[in-house]
Amino acid sequence: MQLSIQAIIGFVVAAGLAVASELPSPMTVNLERRKMLVTKNDTVDFKAVRKQANALNYKYDKLLRNFRKNTGRDHPLLHLLLDLIDKRDGKGDVDLDDIGEGQLWAGDVQFGQSKFKIDFDTGSADTLVNPFVYFPHRSKSSRKTHHTFSTAYGDGTTASGFIYTDDLKIGGYKAKDVAIGLSVTKFINDEDNQGIAGMSFPAVQSFPKKFDPFFVALVKQKVVPEPVFQFTLKRGSGSTLHLGGIDNSRFQGELSYVDVNPEDGFWISEGKVNGKKIDACIDTGSSIIFGPIDEVREVITKMDGVTPFTAGGALHGAFDCSKPPKLDFEFAGQKFNLGENQVSFGKYQGQCVLSIMGQKNLPMNAWVVGDSFLQTASVVFDMGKNRMGFAPSSN
């Protein structure tokens, strides 16, 4: 009989109470933002925006396919699947996401003897790296699993590689036999960042079920004191991923919690944008906030001083930079107002471009909530109690 991840986590937490004094303290990983969606003069690079939006659409399409494969049913928020070729034709093959240009938050990790920066993504569940980054032959603890992965890129090319397991070191923690996918083709075009580490639930993972997402592995091996991690992202320096507990110094006031359903795979919550109810997927792997085009249009048209326009097939809003509009998100009854630096992500023809955008035919009937919101809040992801906590980030 297979136990659910929640049952395993509950058992681990209960068992851990007896040896709490032996557990390590929570650890912090410092993060750096990789890439931007604007040029040097702060002008929005709509080509880069479109490229990332397409990559995110592809990512969620594949995750929804993974969900169907792993659970035998369609995701409750499924809208439509894109017209993509499914590459899974061989035993043990798994499909992964087209990451493209790295637009995420990167920190240091070590697999075996290989050290590198990797992006931490709450919108996916697998760990994979570019070629010539992880060197399994240099590690005595490395094991080749003989399971392969494959990924299709937007330009029609493909990449493939093997899944290995090895010792993972991150933020002072160490776990054994953690899965890592080594690609033979470069999939992140950023010399300073060489991979992605998914932190969502196993229901959307591409790897076979026996290969846990890295944070789940930390929890199962009782490496972390609590099955909790916390993102605090800032526009400048000071962004962190806190593992194994809550750092109260990273936020103001009290955390407000919302329940999440781990069986859905994503960190999804009901919320509001300027009072409009939405379903929101909190995704540290997205530099943008986007939602179904009709919902975004409804929000934009009610904002004073904002003019809708279309660029790259997406709906945007423009406004006078000296008169930023009111844009707030609400979770668990707590409002988060996007400040002057968050309400816009760049300029276009002398005006500021609103940090939310709308798209047609999204794979999922939900908003993907990324950077602009996350720079206003400290967010706690609690796998033990299946919830997310939100509070305004400290100055």
Foldseek 3Di string as FASTA:
>chain_A
DDDDLLVLLQVLLVVCVVVLVVADAWFKWFKDWADAQADPVQAGNVVVVLVQVVQVLQQVLLLQVLLCVLPVDGFPFFDDHDPDDDPPDDPLEFEHGQLEEQGFIWTWKDFANFIAIAGEKLAAFAKEWEAPRDDQVNGPQKDWPPRKYKYAYPVGDMKMFTKIFGWMDDRNFIFGGAIYTYIDHQRYPGPRHTIYQYDWAPSRHRHPPVHGRPLSRCSSVSNANASKWKWQDAPDGDTMIIPRDDDPQFFPDDWAKDFADSSSGFQWDWKDKVRHIFIETEISRDPAKEAAQVVVVVVQVPWPAWDWDDDSQKIKIWGALVDQTWIWMGDNRDIFTQDSPLQFRGDDPNTTIGRYMHHHPRRGNGMYDYDSRSNQWMWMQHSNRRMIIIGGTDD
